[in-house]
Amino acid sequence: MVRRTVLAMFAVIATAFAILSVVTLPGPASATTPFQTAVTSITVGAQPYAVAVSPDGSSVWVTNDVSGISRINTITNAVTSITVGDQPFGVAASPDGSSVWVTNFNSDTVSRINTATNAVTSITVGTGPSRVAVSPDGSSVWVTNQNSGTVSRIDPVTNAVTAITVGTYPYSIAVSPDGSSVWVANNNSASVSRIDPITNTVTAITVGTYPAGVAVSPDGSSVWVTSNNTASVSRIDPITNAVTATITVGNGPRLVAVSPDGSSVWVSNYGSGTVSRINTTTNVATSITVGSNPFGVAVSPDGSSVWVTNNGGTTVSRIIFPPQPPANITATPGNAQASISWTAPTNTGGSPIIGYTATASAGGLSCTTTTATSCTISGLTNGTTYYVSVTATNAVGTSDPSVVSVTPTTTPSSDPVAPAFTG
């Protein structure tokens, strides 16, 4: 008798796991970026270098070697040109979106653009300014000066500049999310300089040869540095300053960016015409083809697009994805039917939603809509519990499902069923 009871219990558990194995559970709107991608091209100025996205995702800013700044409207992809200093190189947006900072390599200046008016003011820094980063609280702007081996620290209130000596040929710069450290890739030193912004003291960390790009993960747990001559990326633990992994990417990796959810790292491979996408859990890199000589790379704040400058031409590649799962799924049981409703995903993958599908398992009965966020599945069996998955589709592909359970009945309730699993 005991043996039969135990076997019955195992049968119930096995059935539960079987159901869960069929249902793919999605994450929240900021979940891991889907693997499937599509690439579109936008024409900007000649020889685009660096790229930055505004905090609200409405604008993308691109430096063009000989033609100033291109400001892209992310809804329409329309481009506005803004004149700055000679040979604009690096670009970064302030956390409040009120200003964009541009380094002018041949002018030894930084241009500060008022994003409301596109008006430009100029600030003198070191020799050969290359890249720029803004602290998360907006209290300081950091600029690498390649030809003087220094970093300029700008007070954005007074525009006062302080010089800090780092390694040879400082190239790129990034600030940790909590503002406690500033990281500089020294291209001719095979090192990264770590600056303490309280004291301005500098610690050197050895990485691969000719480090070019540097980025910090959103949670501050990893620092990522590209090594231009070794086709690799170093992953640094900021607690120990140790390099914990060296990951092979494409030829001539330049700049690097981390997705807002920290699930992926994006590297522009200048010599391969590709972008490498690194899974931060496995450290495995995959490749996506973009334009000629990709240089700058940035991820939109909602993770819906990755932007890559193609320095060998006049274009920016926009990488887009399937949408994230629909949210807030509910199911109202009816007589041999179920009415399903949901809300649209906040992250559409960079491409508009073109349809939704709700599918009942088992049996596969479904209903679809184009833009509506509700539909009714008919032909169900009363008294049978169904798991209904709802997906969103755009031009790139289909989202992971959000799932709700429902049991049709001849005496339906007016209250919706709470979701079993939801995105």
Protein backbone atom coordinates (compact mmCIF):
# COMPACT_ATOMS: atom_id res chain seq x y z
CA MET A 1 0.00 0.00 0.00
CA VAL A 2 2.83 2.36 0.94
CA ARG A 3 4.65 1.45 -2.27
CA ARG A 4 1.54 2.30 -4.36
CA THR A 5 1.18 5.66 -2.56
CA VAL A 6 4.82 6.53 -3.21
CA LEU A 7 4.48 5.54 -6.85
CA ALA A 8 1.38 7.71 -7.15
CA MET A 9 3.26 10.64 -5.63
CA PHE A 10 6.10 10.17 -8.12
CA ALA A 11 3.55 10.04 -10.95
CA VAL A 12 2.11 13.39 -9.85
CA ILE A 13 5.56 14.93 -9.60
CA ALA A 14 6.56 13.52 -13.00
CA THR A 15 3.38 14.93 -14.54
CA ALA A 16 4.09 18.36 -13.05
CA PHE A 17 7.64 18.35 -14.43
CA ALA A 18 6.33 17.20 -17.81
CA ILE A 19 4.01 20.21 -17.93
CA LEU A 20 6.82 22.57 -16.93
CA SER A 21 9.11 21.03 -19.53
CA VAL A 22 6.60 21.94 -22.24
CA VAL A 23 6.08 25.49 -20.98
CA THR A 24 8.95 27.88 -21.72
CA LEU A 25 9.07 30.40 -18.92
CA PRO A 26 9.98 33.90 -20.06
CA GLY A 27 11.77 36.51 -18.00
CA PRO A 28 10.79 40.13 -17.39
CA ALA A 29 10.91 42.84 -20.03
CA SER A 30 14.63 43.31 -19.40
CA ALA A 31 15.35 39.60 -19.87
CA THR A 32 18.14 38.05 -21.87
CA THR A 33 18.23 39.44 -25.37
CA PRO A 34 17.00 36.83 -27.87
CA PHE A 35 19.53 35.11 -30.11
CA GLN A 36 17.71 35.91 -33.35
CA THR A 37 18.66 39.26 -34.90
CA ALA A 38 18.19 41.42 -37.99
CA VAL A 39 20.38 44.27 -39.25
CA THR A 40 19.22 47.49 -40.90
CA SER A 41 21.41 50.28 -42.27
CA ILE A 42 21.17 54.06 -41.78
CA THR A 43 23.25 56.57 -43.76
CA VAL A 44 25.11 59.19 -41.72
CA GLY A 45 28.27 61.25 -42.35
CA ALA A 46 31.59 60.01 -43.71
CA GLN A 47 33.73 57.67 -41.60
CA PRO A 48 31.49 57.25 -38.55
CA TYR A 49 33.46 56.46 -35.41
CA ALA A 50 31.75 56.35 -32.03
CA VAL A 51 28.07 56.05 -31.10
CA ALA A 52 25.96 56.80 -28.02
CA VAL A 53 22.26 56.45 -27.24
CA SER A 54 20.32 59.02 -25.22
CA PRO A 55 19.05 57.84 -21.81
CA ASP A 56 15.44 57.85 -23.04
CA GLY A 57 16.38 56.00 -26.23
CA SER A 58 14.96 58.71 -28.50
CA SER A 59 18.24 59.77 -30.14
CA VAL A 60 21.43 58.13 -31.30
CA TRP A 61 24.55 60.26 -31.64
CA VAL A 62 27.31 59.37 -34.11
CA THR A 63 30.67 61.05 -34.60
CA ASN A 64 31.78 61.36 -38.24
CA ASP A 65 35.48 61.89 -38.84
CA VAL A 66 35.11 64.69 -41.39
CA SER A 67 31.53 65.87 -41.06
CA GLY A 68 30.62 66.54 -37.44
CA ILE A 69 27.87 64.76 -35.52
CA SER A 70 24.87 62.86 -36.84
CA ARG A 71 21.81 62.79 -34.57
CA ILE A 72 19.46 59.92 -35.45
CA ASN A 73 15.79 59.89 -34.47
CA THR A 74 15.26 56.28 -33.37
CA ILE A 75 11.58 56.28 -34.36
CA THR A 76 11.97 57.59 -37.91
CA ASN A 77 15.74 57.01 -38.46
CA ALA A 78 15.88 60.64 -39.71
CA VAL A 79 19.35 62.20 -39.40
CA THR A 80 20.29 65.73 -38.29
CA SER A 81 23.88 67.02 -38.74
CA ILE A 82 25.59 69.17 -36.10
CA THR A 83 28.97 70.91 -36.54
CA VAL A 84 31.52 70.47 -33.72
CA GLY A 85 35.35 70.62 -33.59
CA ASP A 86 37.96 69.13 -35.90
CA GLN A 87 37.86 65.32 -36.25
CA PRO A 88 35.16 64.33 -33.75
CA PHE A 89 36.00 60.98 -32.21
CA GLY A 90 34.24 59.97 -28.99
CA VAL A 91 30.70 60.69 -27.80
CA ALA A 92 28.71 60.23 -24.59
CA ALA A 93 25.35 61.44 -23.26
CA SER A 94 24.74 62.85 -19.80
CA PRO A 95 22.51 60.72 -17.52
CA ASP A 96 19.72 63.31 -17.60
CA GLY A 97 19.91 63.59 -21.39
CA SER A 98 20.45 67.35 -21.32
CA SER A 99 23.86 67.31 -22.97
CA VAL A 100 26.04 65.24 -25.27
CA TRP A 101 29.83 65.38 -25.04
CA VAL A 102 32.08 64.98 -28.10
CA THR A 103 35.88 64.75 -28.25
CA ASN A 104 37.57 66.61 -31.12
CA PHE A 105 40.88 64.86 -31.74
CA ASN A 106 42.58 67.55 -33.83
CA SER A 107 41.21 70.51 -31.85
CA ASP A 108 42.26 69.34 -28.36
CA THR A 109 38.74 70.22 -27.28
CA VAL A 110 35.48 68.69 -26.14
CA SER A 111 32.21 69.96 -27.59
CA ARG A 112 29.21 70.10 -25.26
CA ILE A 113 25.93 69.89 -27.17
CA ASN A 114 22.69 71.14 -25.64
CA THR A 115 20.27 68.39 -26.72
CA ALA A 116 17.26 70.71 -26.59
CA THR A 117 18.72 73.26 -29.00
CA ASN A 118 21.73 71.44 -30.57
CA ALA A 119 23.83 74.48 -29.53
CA VAL A 120 27.54 73.74 -29.03
CA THR A 121 30.09 75.05 -26.52
CA SER A 122 33.80 74.16 -26.47
CA ILE A 123 36.13 73.13 -23.63
CA THR A 124 39.92 72.75 -23.99
CA VAL A 125 41.37 69.47 -22.68
CA GLY A 126 44.61 67.51 -23.29
CA THR A 127 46.32 66.63 -26.55
CA GLY A 128 44.51 64.27 -28.90
CA PRO A 129 41.26 63.68 -26.97
CA SER A 130 39.83 60.33 -27.97
CA ARG A 131 36.95 58.97 -25.87
CA VAL A 132 34.59 60.39 -23.28
CA ALA A 133 32.40 59.07 -20.47
CA VAL A 134 30.04 60.72 -18.00
CA SER A 135 29.68 59.62 -14.38
CA PRO A 136 26.29 58.07 -13.47
CA ASP A 137 25.36 61.07 -11.31
CA GLY A 138 26.47 63.53 -13.98
CA SER A 139 28.97 65.22 -11.64
CA SER A 140 32.04 64.65 -13.81
CA VAL A 141 32.99 64.08 -17.44
CA TRP A 142 36.08 61.97 -18.22
CA VAL A 143 38.15 62.32 -21.41
CA THR A 144 41.14 60.27 -22.60
CA ASN A 145 43.94 62.32 -24.20
CA GLN A 146 45.88 59.91 -26.40
CA ASN A 147 48.87 62.10 -27.19
CA SER A 148 49.48 63.39 -23.66
CA GLY A 149 49.01 60.18 -21.67
CA THR A 150 46.41 61.82 -19.45
CA VAL A 151 42.74 61.84 -18.60
CA SER A 152 40.91 65.15 -18.31
CA ARG A 153 38.26 65.33 -15.60
CA ILE A 154 35.70 68.03 -16.37
CA ASP A 155 33.35 69.61 -13.85
CA PRO A 156 30.18 70.09 -15.96
CA VAL A 157 28.98 72.93 -13.74
CA THR A 158 32.10 75.09 -14.06
CA ASN A 159 33.74 73.39 -17.07
CA ALA A 160 36.95 73.33 -15.00
CA VAL A 161 39.44 70.64 -16.09
CA THR A 162 41.77 68.48 -13.96
CA ALA A 163 44.50 66.34 -15.58
CA ILE A 164 45.33 62.81 -14.35
CA THR A 165 48.32 60.84 -15.66
CA VAL A 166 47.57 57.27 -16.76
CA GLY A 167 49.26 54.79 -19.15
CA THR A 168 50.66 55.31 -22.63
CA TYR A 169 48.17 56.30 -25.33
CA PRO A 170 44.96 56.15 -23.30
CA TYR A 171 42.23 55.20 -25.75
CA SER A 172 38.85 54.40 -24.18
CA ILE A 173 37.23 55.13 -20.84
CA ALA A 174 34.27 53.93 -18.77
CA VAL A 175 32.81 54.74 -15.36
CA SER A 176 31.42 52.07 -13.04
CA PRO A 177 27.64 52.21 -12.42
CA ASP A 178 28.13 53.33 -8.80
CA GLY A 179 30.74 55.92 -9.80
CA SER A 180 33.39 54.40 -7.54
CA SER A 181 35.94 53.69 -10.28
CA VAL A 182 36.96 54.93 -13.71
CA TRP A 183 38.56 52.51 -16.18
CA VAL A 184 40.97 53.52 -18.97
CA ALA A 185 42.29 51.26 -21.75
CA ASN A 186 45.90 52.27 -22.49
CA ASN A 187 46.47 51.21 -26.09
CA ASN A 188 50.29 51.19 -26.01
CA SER A 189 50.71 49.89 -22.46
CA ALA A 190 48.93 46.50 -22.51
CA SER A 191 47.22 47.77 -19.38
CA VAL A 192 44.09 49.28 -17.93
CA SER A 193 44.30 52.19 -15.51
CA ARG A 194 41.80 52.14 -12.67
CA ILE A 195 41.16 55.61 -11.27
CA ASP A 196 39.71 56.27 -7.84
CA PRO A 197 37.53 59.36 -8.46
CA ILE A 198 37.72 60.39 -4.81
CA THR A 199 41.51 60.67 -4.73
CA ASN A 200 42.32 60.52 -8.48
CA THR A 201 44.89 57.80 -7.66
CA VAL A 202 45.65 55.28 -10.42
CA THR A 203 46.13 51.50 -10.32
CA ALA A 204 47.50 49.62 -13.35
CA ILE A 205 46.09 46.21 -14.42
CA THR A 206 47.76 44.11 -17.13
CA VAL A 207 45.52 42.89 -19.97
CA GLY A 208 46.08 41.81 -23.61
CA THR A 209 48.20 43.78 -26.04
CA TYR A 210 46.88 47.01 -27.50
CA PRO A 211 43.73 47.37 -25.37
CA ALA A 212 41.18 49.52 -27.18
CA GLY A 213 37.65 49.45 -25.76
CA VAL A 214 36.50 49.22 -22.15
CA ALA A 215 33.04 48.83 -20.57
CA VAL A 216 31.63 47.98 -17.15
CA SER A 217 28.65 45.69 -16.58
CA PRO A 218 25.47 47.35 -15.21
CA ASP A 219 25.87 45.62 -11.84
CA GLY A 220 29.57 46.50 -11.65
CA SER A 221 30.65 42.87 -11.38
CA SER A 222 32.76 42.73 -14.56
CA VAL A 223 34.96 45.02 -16.65
CA TRP A 224 35.41 44.15 -20.32
CA VAL A 225 38.49 45.20 -22.33
CA THR A 226 39.17 44.53 -26.02
CA SER A 227 42.71 43.67 -27.17
CA ASN A 228 43.14 44.97 -30.69
CA ASN A 229 46.06 42.80 -31.77
CA THR A 230 45.01 39.50 -30.20
CA ALA A 231 41.36 39.35 -31.36
CA SER A 232 40.27 38.86 -27.77
CA VAL A 233 38.40 40.40 -24.87
CA SER A 234 39.62 40.35 -21.26
CA ARG A 235 37.08 40.01 -18.46
CA ILE A 236 38.23 41.64 -15.23
CA ASP A 237 36.90 41.05 -11.73
CA PRO A 238 36.85 44.56 -10.18
CA ILE A 239 37.02 43.10 -6.66
CA THR A 240 40.40 41.48 -7.24
CA ASN A 241 41.50 43.33 -10.42
CA ALA A 242 42.29 39.88 -11.86
CA VAL A 243 41.58 38.86 -15.44
CA THR A 244 39.15 35.95 -15.06
CA ALA A 245 38.62 35.11 -18.74
CA THR A 246 40.07 35.80 -22.16
CA ILE A 247 37.48 35.40 -24.92
CA THR A 248 38.28 35.11 -28.63
CA VAL A 249 36.30 37.46 -30.90
CA GLY A 250 36.76 38.78 -34.45
CA ASN A 251 39.82 40.47 -35.93
CA GLY A 252 40.82 43.91 -34.71
CA PRO A 253 38.27 44.38 -31.92
CA ARG A 254 37.71 48.06 -31.19
CA LEU A 255 34.97 49.22 -28.84
CA VAL A 256 32.71 47.29 -26.46
CA ALA A 257 29.31 47.74 -24.79
CA VAL A 258 27.26 45.74 -22.29
CA SER A 259 23.50 45.21 -22.56
CA PRO A 260 21.36 46.87 -19.85
CA ASP A 261 20.46 43.50 -18.33
CA GLY A 262 24.11 42.40 -18.34
CA SER A 263 23.37 39.24 -20.31
CA SER A 264 25.47 40.08 -23.35
CA VAL A 265 28.58 42.01 -24.32
CA TRP A 266 28.91 43.48 -27.81
CA VAL A 267 32.28 43.98 -29.52
CA SER A 268 32.97 45.69 -32.86
CA ASN A 269 35.53 43.75 -34.93
CA TYR A 270 37.15 46.27 -37.25
CA GLY A 271 39.03 43.71 -39.34
CA SER A 272 36.17 41.22 -39.70
CA GLY A 273 33.17 43.37 -40.60
CA THR A 274 31.34 41.77 -37.71
CA VAL A 275 30.09 42.30 -34.20
CA SER A 276 30.77 39.63 -31.58
CA ARG A 277 28.04 38.95 -29.07
CA ILE A 278 29.35 37.41 -25.86
CA ASN A 279 27.04 35.50 -23.53
CA THR A 280 28.17 36.70 -20.10
CA THR A 281 27.07 33.46 -18.43
CA THR A 282 29.06 31.15 -20.68
CA ASN A 283 31.64 33.58 -22.15
CA VAL A 284 30.76 32.15 -25.57
CA ALA A 285 30.93 34.58 -28.51
CA THR A 286 28.78 34.50 -31.64
CA SER A 287 29.19 36.66 -34.74
CA ILE A 288 26.84 39.04 -36.58
CA THR A 289 27.79 40.59 -39.92
CA VAL A 290 27.43 44.38 -40.18
CA GLY A 291 29.08 46.99 -42.44
CA SER A 292 32.68 47.79 -43.40
CA ASN A 293 35.19 48.31 -40.56
CA PRO A 294 32.78 48.39 -37.59
CA PHE A 295 34.12 50.68 -34.90
CA GLY A 296 31.72 52.09 -32.29
CA VAL A 297 29.01 50.07 -30.56
CA ALA A 298 26.20 51.01 -28.15
CA VAL A 299 23.09 49.34 -26.75
CA SER A 300 19.81 51.21 -26.28
CA PRO A 301 18.69 51.65 -22.64
CA ASP A 302 15.82 49.18 -23.05
CA GLY A 303 18.01 46.65 -24.84
CA SER A 304 15.84 46.76 -27.97
CA SER A 305 18.60 47.80 -30.40
CA VAL A 306 22.36 47.60 -30.81
CA TRP A 307 23.97 50.39 -32.85
CA VAL A 308 27.26 49.91 -34.72
CA THR A 309 29.22 52.49 -36.73
CA ASN A 310 30.81 51.28 -39.98
CA ASN A 311 33.96 53.36 -40.25
CA GLY A 312 34.78 52.13 -43.74
CA GLY A 313 31.70 53.81 -45.19
CA THR A 314 28.89 56.19 -44.27
CA THR A 315 26.46 53.95 -42.42
CA VAL A 316 25.35 52.86 -39.00
CA SER A 317 24.02 49.33 -38.55
CA ARG A 318 21.02 48.90 -36.26
CA ILE A 319 20.67 45.38 -34.89
CA ILE A 320 17.14 44.51 -33.78
CA PHE A 321 15.54 41.46 -32.13
CA PRO A 322 12.24 39.67 -31.59
CA PRO A 323 10.05 41.36 -28.96
CA GLN A 324 10.08 40.47 -25.29
CA PRO A 325 7.05 38.41 -24.10
CA PRO A 326 3.63 40.00 -23.57
CA ALA A 327 2.94 40.89 -19.95
CA ASN A 328 0.09 40.74 -17.42
CA ILE A 329 -1.59 37.67 -18.94
CA THR A 330 -5.08 36.82 -17.66
CA ALA A 331 -7.61 34.17 -18.69
CA THR A 332 -11.37 34.23 -18.09
CA PRO A 333 -13.03 30.77 -18.38
CA GLY A 334 -16.22 30.39 -20.38
CA ASN A 335 -18.41 27.61 -21.72
CA ALA A 336 -15.98 25.57 -23.88
CA GLN A 337 -13.84 28.64 -24.34
CA ALA A 338 -11.40 31.01 -22.64
CA SER A 339 -10.97 34.76 -23.09
CA ILE A 340 -7.27 35.72 -22.93
CA SER A 341 -5.94 39.24 -22.41
CA TRP A 342 -2.48 40.74 -22.01
CA THR A 343 -0.52 43.96 -22.29
CA ALA A 344 1.99 44.71 -25.02
CA PRO A 345 5.67 44.17 -24.20
CA THR A 346 7.53 47.34 -23.31
CA ASN A 347 10.49 46.15 -25.37
CA THR A 348 9.35 45.42 -28.93
CA GLY A 349 12.82 44.40 -30.09
CA GLY A 350 13.34 47.58 -32.10
CA SER A 351 10.64 46.64 -34.63
CA PRO A 352 6.83 47.12 -34.33
CA ILE A 353 4.64 44.26 -33.16
CA ILE A 354 2.80 42.75 -36.16
CA GLY A 355 0.74 40.14 -34.33
CA TYR A 356 -0.08 38.14 -31.20
CA THR A 357 -0.96 34.46 -30.82
CA ALA A 358 -2.56 32.70 -27.85
CA THR A 359 -2.31 28.89 -27.98
CA ALA A 360 -3.90 26.31 -25.65
CA SER A 361 -1.95 23.21 -24.66
CA ALA A 362 -2.83 20.41 -25.09
CA GLY A 363 -4.74 20.44 -28.33
CA GLY A 364 -3.15 23.44 -29.99
CA LEU A 365 -6.32 25.49 -30.40
CA SER A 366 -5.46 29.18 -30.73
CA CYS A 367 -6.58 32.69 -31.53
CA THR A 368 -4.62 35.53 -33.14
CA THR A 369 -4.75 39.31 -33.35
CA THR A 370 -2.84 41.98 -35.23
CA THR A 371 -2.79 44.79 -32.69
CA ALA A 372 -5.56 43.92 -30.20
CA THR A 373 -4.40 42.64 -26.80
CA SER A 374 -7.17 40.11 -26.22
CA CYS A 375 -8.82 37.21 -28.03
CA THR A 376 -10.97 34.14 -27.31
CA ILE A 377 -10.02 30.50 -27.84
CA SER A 378 -13.08 28.37 -28.65
CA GLY A 379 -13.64 24.62 -28.91
CA LEU A 380 -12.13 23.76 -25.53
CA THR A 381 -13.38 20.98 -23.24
CA ASN A 382 -15.16 22.01 -20.06
CA GLY A 383 -13.45 20.80 -16.90
CA THR A 384 -10.07 20.40 -18.59
CA THR A 385 -7.20 22.63 -17.45
CA TYR A 386 -5.28 24.24 -20.28
CA TYR A 387 -2.00 26.11 -20.28
CA VAL A 388 -2.31 29.04 -22.68
CA SER A 389 0.86 30.61 -24.06
CA VAL A 390 0.80 34.12 -25.55
CA THR A 391 3.53 35.34 -27.89
CA ALA A 392 4.27 38.58 -29.73
CA THR A 393 5.79 38.71 -33.22
CA ASN A 394 7.65 41.44 -35.10
CA ALA A 395 9.53 41.46 -38.41
CA VAL A 396 12.49 39.68 -36.83
CA GLY A 397 10.73 36.83 -35.06
CA THR A 398 8.53 35.66 -32.20
CA SER A 399 8.97 36.26 -28.49
CA ASP A 400 9.21 33.68 -25.75
CA PRO A 401 5.74 32.87 -24.40
CA SER A 402 3.98 34.14 -21.33
CA VAL A 403 1.73 31.40 -19.90
CA VAL A 404 -1.55 31.28 -17.97
CA SER A 405 -3.72 28.32 -16.88
CA VAL A 406 -7.49 28.20 -17.33
CA THR A 407 -10.29 25.62 -16.94
CA PRO A 408 -13.41 26.18 -19.12
CA THR A 409 -16.73 25.55 -17.39
CA THR A 410 -20.45 25.61 -18.11
CA THR A 411 -20.87 28.00 -15.16
CA PRO A 412 -18.22 30.59 -15.94
CA SER A 413 -17.04 33.12 -13.40
CA SER A 414 -16.81 36.79 -14.26
CA ASP A 415 -13.40 36.96 -12.56
CA PRO A 416 -10.27 36.29 -14.61
CA VAL A 417 -7.87 33.52 -13.61
CA ALA A 418 -4.54 34.61 -12.20
CA PRO A 419 -1.62 33.75 -14.46
CA ALA A 420 0.28 30.54 -13.90
CA PHE A 421 3.45 31.98 -15.39
CA THR A 422 3.81 35.41 -16.88
CA GLY A 423 6.40 37.48 -18.63
